[in-house]
Amino acid sequence: MAQPPTPSQTAGPFVSIGTTWLAEASAAGPFAAGAGSAAIEVAGSVTDGAGAPVTDAMLEFWQADAHGRFPPETAAGWTGFARLFTDAAGRFRLVTVKPGPLEAANGGESGPEAPHIDVSIFARGLLQRLVTRIYFADEPANATDPALSSLSPELRERLVAQLEVLQPAPHPVYHFDVHLQGDRETVFFAPW
């Protein structure tokens, strides 16, 4: 006897309930040991289609170390992973190291990848996570990155974090906003 499908559930409206204990007290924690590079920050906000802040989003970051390596090939203590929640204004701030370029994927068929951070977004109203990438404006390798090269210039710029120069900080700060919908919608990739 065939059973009807189970109704879909979204991730909200309170993503943080039951998951805040999974967040790092400081995003620098998982990136500090064995990082092999100076710290950077990635700061921004998450907004919905109307431009309102999403105050209950959870973001998971996964990246290579400064040499373009992932665990277990990295230094002891390097996880390459952090989980953060947006604040009451929809903002987030990640302290990490700038990842190194990655070797060619798919056995060298697609060419090397520019330094980037993979991001999964969980928020109210989403049936599944959204996946995007954060690239860095000051990276020459962006010009030949396979994912960026497959996009129009307008879409490509939506994945590139800009270096902020307005205020002094202990380390470089890159600005990157996530727009879930609308005219400036962030480019999202199929979850892997």
C-alpha atoms as a PDB file:
ATOM      1  CA  MET A   1       0.000   0.000   0.000  1.00  0.00           C
ATOM      2  CA  ALA A   2       1.450   3.369  -1.044  1.00  0.00           C
ATOM      3  CA  GLN A   3       1.832   6.003   1.630  1.00  0.00           C
ATOM      4  CA  PRO A   4       1.312   9.708   0.940  1.00  0.00           C
ATOM      5  CA  PRO A   5       4.428  11.846   1.093  1.00  0.00           C
ATOM      6  CA  THR A   6       5.355  13.463   4.385  1.00  0.00           C
ATOM      7  CA  PRO A   7       4.725  17.231   4.405  1.00  0.00           C
ATOM      8  CA  SER A   8       7.816  19.361   3.843  1.00  0.00           C
ATOM      9  CA  GLN A   9       9.180  21.331   6.771  1.00  0.00           C
ATOM     10  CA  THR A  10      11.117  24.553   6.652  1.00  0.00           C
ATOM     11  CA  ALA A  11      14.132  25.389   8.756  1.00  0.00           C
ATOM     12  CA  GLY A  12      12.334  28.055  10.762  1.00  0.00           C
ATOM     13  CA  PRO A  13      11.032  30.186  12.164  1.00  0.00           C
ATOM     14  CA  PHE A  14      13.498  29.653  15.008  1.00  0.00           C
ATOM     15  CA  VAL A  15      16.586  28.007  13.528  1.00  0.00           C
ATOM     16  CA  SER A  16      18.651  28.817  16.579  1.00  0.00           C
ATOM     17  CA  ILE A  17      16.478  26.858  19.016  1.00  0.00           C
ATOM     18  CA  GLY A  18      18.283  23.600  19.642  1.00  0.00           C
ATOM     19  CA  THR A  19      21.324  24.554  17.566  1.00  0.00           C
ATOM     20  CA  THR A  20      22.978  27.494  19.326  1.00  0.00           C
ATOM     21  CA  TRP A  21      25.019  25.103  21.444  1.00  0.00           C
ATOM     22  CA  LEU A  22      26.663  23.995  18.182  1.00  0.00           C
ATOM     23  CA  ALA A  23      28.065  27.472  17.524  1.00  0.00           C
ATOM     24  CA  GLU A  24      31.600  28.362  18.448  1.00  0.00           C
ATOM     25  CA  ALA A  25      31.891  31.031  21.144  1.00  0.00           C
ATOM     26  CA  SER A  26      34.435  32.652  18.833  1.00  0.00           C
ATOM     27  CA  ALA A  27      34.568  31.856  15.152  1.00  0.00           C
ATOM     28  CA  ALA A  28      38.339  32.175  15.395  1.00  0.00           C
ATOM     29  CA  GLY A  29      38.490  29.018  17.509  1.00  0.00           C
ATOM     30  CA  PRO A  30      38.415  26.375  14.788  1.00  0.00           C
ATOM     31  CA  PHE A  31      40.634  28.418  12.495  1.00  0.00           C
ATOM     32  CA  ALA A  32      43.331  29.549  14.926  1.00  0.00           C
ATOM     33  CA  ALA A  33      45.407  26.401  15.424  1.00  0.00           C
ATOM     34  CA  GLY A  34      47.713  25.518  12.580  1.00  0.00           C
ATOM     35  CA  ALA A  35      46.260  28.110  10.275  1.00  0.00           C
ATOM     36  CA  GLY A  36      49.600  29.198   8.858  1.00  0.00           C
ATOM     37  CA  SER A  37      48.460  32.724   8.033  1.00  0.00           C
ATOM     38  CA  ALA A  38      47.328  35.988   9.564  1.00  0.00           C
ATOM     39  CA  ALA A  39      43.682  36.373  10.547  1.00  0.00           C
ATOM     40  CA  ILE A  40      41.043  38.047   8.392  1.00  0.00           C
ATOM     41  CA  GLU A  41      37.390  38.822   9.053  1.00  0.00           C
ATOM     42  CA  VAL A  42      34.423  38.310   6.772  1.00  0.00           C
ATOM     43  CA  ALA A  43      31.510  40.477   7.860  1.00  0.00           C
ATOM     44  CA  GLY A  44      28.118  41.066   6.344  1.00  0.00           C
ATOM     45  CA  SER A  45      24.409  40.531   6.689  1.00  0.00           C
ATOM     46  CA  VAL A  46      21.645  38.211   5.517  1.00  0.00           C
ATOM     47  CA  THR A  47      18.514  39.826   4.059  1.00  0.00           C
ATOM     48  CA  ASP A  48      15.254  38.499   2.652  1.00  0.00           C
ATOM     49  CA  GLY A  49      13.589  39.414  -0.647  1.00  0.00           C
ATOM     50  CA  ALA A  50      12.182  42.655   0.775  1.00  0.00           C
ATOM     51  CA  GLY A  51      15.621  43.703   2.068  1.00  0.00           C
ATOM     52  CA  ALA A  52      14.695  43.046   5.708  1.00  0.00           C
ATOM     53  CA  PRO A  53      17.351  41.476   7.941  1.00  0.00           C
ATOM     54  CA  VAL A  54      17.073  37.750   8.587  1.00  0.00           C
ATOM     55  CA  THR A  55      17.696  37.653  12.318  1.00  0.00           C
ATOM     56  CA  ASP A  56      17.552  33.898  12.838  1.00  0.00           C
ATOM     57  CA  ALA A  57      19.796  32.503  10.094  1.00  0.00           C
ATOM     58  CA  MET A  58      22.536  29.962  10.732  1.00  0.00           C
ATOM     59  CA  LEU A  59      25.630  30.031   8.508  1.00  0.00           C
ATOM     60  CA  GLU A  60      28.145  27.220   8.212  1.00  0.00           C
ATOM     61  CA  PHE A  61      31.555  27.979   6.717  1.00  0.00           C
ATOM     62  CA  TRP A  62      33.940  25.375   5.301  1.00  0.00           C
ATOM     63  CA  GLN A  63      37.290  26.221   3.792  1.00  0.00           C
ATOM     64  CA  ALA A  64      40.835  25.172   3.034  1.00  0.00           C
ATOM     65  CA  ASP A  65      43.755  26.433   5.103  1.00  0.00           C
ATOM     66  CA  ALA A  66      46.184  29.118   3.909  1.00  0.00           C
ATOM     67  CA  HIS A  67      47.959  26.488   1.778  1.00  0.00           C
ATOM     68  CA  GLY A  68      44.806  25.262   0.000  1.00  0.00           C
ATOM     69  CA  ARG A  69      44.555  22.025   1.997  1.00  0.00           C
ATOM     70  CA  PHE A  70      41.636  20.420   3.816  1.00  0.00           C
ATOM     71  CA  PRO A  71      41.802  18.074   6.820  1.00  0.00           C
ATOM     72  CA  PRO A  72      43.394  15.568   7.286  1.00  0.00           C
ATOM     73  CA  GLU A  73      46.261  17.038   5.203  1.00  0.00           C
ATOM     74  CA  THR A  74      46.286  20.206   7.333  1.00  0.00           C
ATOM     75  CA  ALA A  75      48.094  21.062  10.550  1.00  0.00           C
ATOM     76  CA  ALA A  76      46.795  19.536  13.766  1.00  0.00           C
ATOM     77  CA  GLY A  77      43.851  21.464  15.154  1.00  0.00           C
ATOM     78  CA  TRP A  78      42.731  22.960  11.842  1.00  0.00           C
ATOM     79  CA  THR A  79      39.117  22.028  11.114  1.00  0.00           C
ATOM     80  CA  GLY A  80      38.260  24.478   8.354  1.00  0.00           C
ATOM     81  CA  PHE A  81      34.718  24.723   9.771  1.00  0.00           C
ATOM     82  CA  ALA A  82      32.743  27.299  11.732  1.00  0.00           C
ATOM     83  CA  ARG A  83      29.056  27.863  12.477  1.00  0.00           C
ATOM     84  CA  LEU A  84      27.607  31.304  13.229  1.00  0.00           C
ATOM     85  CA  PHE A  85      24.179  32.843  13.739  1.00  0.00           C
ATOM     86  CA  THR A  86      22.995  36.231  12.553  1.00  0.00           C
ATOM     87  CA  ASP A  87      22.344  38.846  15.236  1.00  0.00           C
ATOM     88  CA  ALA A  88      19.272  41.038  15.817  1.00  0.00           C
ATOM     89  CA  ALA A  89      20.224  43.133  12.763  1.00  0.00           C
ATOM     90  CA  GLY A  90      20.878  40.108  10.506  1.00  0.00           C
ATOM     91  CA  ARG A  91      24.656  40.585  10.696  1.00  0.00           C
ATOM     92  CA  PHE A  92      27.430  38.011  10.999  1.00  0.00           C
ATOM     93  CA  ARG A  93      31.189  38.226  11.549  1.00  0.00           C
ATOM     94  CA  LEU A  94      33.598  35.381  10.840  1.00  0.00           C
ATOM     95  CA  VAL A  95      37.231  35.459  11.977  1.00  0.00           C
ATOM     96  CA  THR A  96      39.362  33.060   9.947  1.00  0.00           C
ATOM     97  CA  VAL A  97      42.423  32.930   7.706  1.00  0.00           C
ATOM     98  CA  LYS A  98      42.378  33.615   4.008  1.00  0.00           C
ATOM     99  CA  PRO A  99      42.301  30.225   2.282  1.00  0.00           C
ATOM    100  CA  GLY A 100      44.862  29.311  -0.313  1.00  0.00           C
ATOM    101  CA  PRO A 101      44.045  28.376  -3.919  1.00  0.00           C
ATOM    102  CA  LEU A 102      42.804  24.841  -4.531  1.00  0.00           C
ATOM    103  CA  GLU A 103      44.279  22.374  -6.956  1.00  0.00           C
ATOM    104  CA  ALA A 104      42.279  21.512 -10.055  1.00  0.00           C
ATOM    105  CA  ALA A 105      39.068  19.672  -9.328  1.00  0.00           C
ATOM    106  CA  ASN A 106      37.884  16.616 -11.275  1.00  0.00           C
ATOM    107  CA  GLY A 107      41.376  15.338 -11.949  1.00  0.00           C
ATOM    108  CA  GLY A 108      42.534  18.606 -13.464  1.00  0.00           C
ATOM    109  CA  GLU A 109      39.738  18.984 -16.018  1.00  0.00           C
ATOM    110  CA  SER A 110      38.351  22.260 -14.675  1.00  0.00           C
ATOM    111  CA  GLY A 111      41.519  24.079 -13.653  1.00  0.00           C
ATOM    112  CA  PRO A 112      42.588  25.382 -10.230  1.00  0.00           C
ATOM    113  CA  GLU A 113      40.089  27.211  -8.035  1.00  0.00           C
ATOM    114  CA  ALA A 114      40.640  30.678  -6.606  1.00  0.00           C
ATOM    115  CA  PRO A 115      40.719  30.991  -2.806  1.00  0.00           C
ATOM    116  CA  HIS A 116      37.178  30.880  -1.466  1.00  0.00           C
ATOM    117  CA  ILE A 117      35.018  29.909   1.500  1.00  0.00           C
ATOM    118  CA  ASP A 118      31.999  27.630   1.038  1.00  0.00           C
ATOM    119  CA  VAL A 119      28.890  28.786   2.918  1.00  0.00           C
ATOM    120  CA  SER A 120      25.662  26.958   3.765  1.00  0.00           C
ATOM    121  CA  ILE A 121      22.714  29.093   4.879  1.00  0.00           C
ATOM    122  CA  PHE A 122      19.817  27.768   6.954  1.00  0.00           C
ATOM    123  CA  ALA A 123      16.925  30.148   7.629  1.00  0.00           C
ATOM    124  CA  ARG A 124      13.190  30.384   8.128  1.00  0.00           C
ATOM    125  CA  GLY A 125      11.183  29.508   5.063  1.00  0.00           C
ATOM    126  CA  LEU A 126      13.919  27.388   3.449  1.00  0.00           C
ATOM    127  CA  LEU A 127      13.128  23.756   2.689  1.00  0.00           C
ATOM    128  CA  GLN A 128      16.836  22.998   2.315  1.00  0.00           C
ATOM    129  CA  ARG A 129      20.073  24.839   2.885  1.00  0.00           C
ATOM    130  CA  LEU A 130      21.363  27.321   0.358  1.00  0.00           C
ATOM    131  CA  VAL A 131      24.978  26.987  -0.729  1.00  0.00           C
ATOM    132  CA  THR A 132      27.193  29.785  -1.983  1.00  0.00           C
ATOM    133  CA  ARG A 133      30.848  30.809  -2.011  1.00  0.00           C
ATOM    134  CA  ILE A 134      32.799  33.815  -0.813  1.00  0.00           C
ATOM    135  CA  TYR A 135      35.668  34.865  -3.076  1.00  0.00           C
ATOM    136  CA  PHE A 136      38.077  37.739  -2.353  1.00  0.00           C
ATOM    137  CA  ALA A 137      38.331  40.889  -4.481  1.00  0.00           C
ATOM    138  CA  ASP A 138      42.123  41.067  -4.261  1.00  0.00           C
ATOM    139  CA  GLU A 139      42.739  37.617  -5.779  1.00  0.00           C
ATOM    140  CA  PRO A 140      44.151  37.459  -9.342  1.00  0.00           C
ATOM    141  CA  ALA A 141      43.077  33.786  -9.550  1.00  0.00           C
ATOM    142  CA  ASN A 142      39.431  34.908  -9.687  1.00  0.00           C
ATOM    143  CA  ALA A 143      39.895  35.572 -13.419  1.00  0.00           C
ATOM    144  CA  THR A 144      40.397  31.869 -14.155  1.00  0.00           C
ATOM    145  CA  ASP A 145      38.289  30.227 -11.427  1.00  0.00           C
ATOM    146  CA  PRO A 146      35.924  27.683 -13.099  1.00  0.00           C
ATOM    147  CA  ALA A 147      32.830  28.648 -11.058  1.00  0.00           C
ATOM    148  CA  LEU A 148      33.327  32.401 -11.452  1.00  0.00           C
ATOM    149  CA  SER A 149      34.186  32.056 -15.146  1.00  0.00           C
ATOM    150  CA  SER A 150      30.855  30.325 -15.766  1.00  0.00           C
ATOM    151  CA  LEU A 151      28.906  33.405 -14.583  1.00  0.00           C
ATOM    152  CA  SER A 152      28.116  36.767 -16.149  1.00  0.00           C
ATOM    153  CA  PRO A 153      30.125  39.705 -14.747  1.00  0.00           C
ATOM    154  CA  GLU A 154      27.038  40.927 -12.836  1.00  0.00           C
ATOM    155  CA  LEU A 155      26.505  37.566 -11.128  1.00  0.00           C
ATOM    156  CA  ARG A 156      30.236  37.060 -10.573  1.00  0.00           C
ATOM    157  CA  GLU A 157      30.499  40.259  -8.504  1.00  0.00           C
ATOM    158  CA  ARG A 158      27.798  38.949  -6.127  1.00  0.00           C
ATOM    159  CA  LEU A 159      30.213  36.238  -4.953  1.00  0.00           C
ATOM    160  CA  VAL A 160      33.202  38.517  -4.346  1.00  0.00           C
ATOM    161  CA  ALA A 161      33.820  40.004  -0.893  1.00  0.00           C
ATOM    162  CA  GLN A 162      35.201  43.530  -0.952  1.00  0.00           C
ATOM    163  CA  LEU A 163      38.038  44.667   1.299  1.00  0.00           C
ATOM    164  CA  GLU A 164      36.820  47.348   3.712  1.00  0.00           C
ATOM    165  CA  VAL A 165      39.125  50.305   4.233  1.00  0.00           C
ATOM    166  CA  LEU A 166      36.865  52.642   6.213  1.00  0.00           C
ATOM    167  CA  GLN A 167      37.910  51.763   9.741  1.00  0.00           C
ATOM    168  CA  PRO A 168      41.068  50.483  11.363  1.00  0.00           C
ATOM    169  CA  ALA A 169      40.920  46.857  12.460  1.00  0.00           C
ATOM    170  CA  PRO A 170      43.470  44.406  13.875  1.00  0.00           C
ATOM    171  CA  HIS A 171      43.295  42.472  10.580  1.00  0.00           C
ATOM    172  CA  PRO A 172      41.777  42.863   7.092  1.00  0.00           C
ATOM    173  CA  VAL A 173      37.962  42.900   6.949  1.00  0.00           C
ATOM    174  CA  TYR A 174      36.100  41.696   3.857  1.00  0.00           C
ATOM    175  CA  HIS A 175      32.439  42.620   3.370  1.00  0.00           C
ATOM    176  CA  PHE A 176      30.002  40.039   1.981  1.00  0.00           C
ATOM    177  CA  ASP A 177      26.193  40.208   2.112  1.00  0.00           C
ATOM    178  CA  VAL A 178      23.808  37.330   1.465  1.00  0.00           C
ATOM    179  CA  HIS A 179      20.577  38.317  -0.306  1.00  0.00           C
ATOM    180  CA  LEU A 180      18.124  35.420  -0.212  1.00  0.00           C
ATOM    181  CA  GLN A 181      15.931  36.890  -2.991  1.00  0.00           C
ATOM    182  CA  GLY A 182      15.411  40.064  -4.988  1.00  0.00           C
ATOM    183  CA  ASP A 183      17.363  42.142  -7.488  1.00  0.00           C
ATOM    184  CA  ARG A 184      20.701  41.441  -5.778  1.00  0.00           C
ATOM    185  CA  GLU A 185      20.033  37.758  -5.009  1.00  0.00           C
ATOM    186  CA  THR A 186      23.216  35.934  -4.123  1.00  0.00           C
ATOM    187  CA  VAL A 187      24.331  33.208  -6.525  1.00  0.00           C
ATOM    188  CA  PHE A 188      23.482  29.826  -5.004  1.00  0.00           C
ATOM    189  CA  PHE A 189      24.861  26.458  -6.070  1.00  0.00           C
ATOM    190  CA  ALA A 190      23.264  23.020  -5.919  1.00  0.00           C
ATOM    191  CA  PRO A 191      24.048  21.433  -2.538  1.00  0.00           C
ATOM    192  CA  TRP A 192      26.761  18.816  -2.809  1.00  0.00           C
END
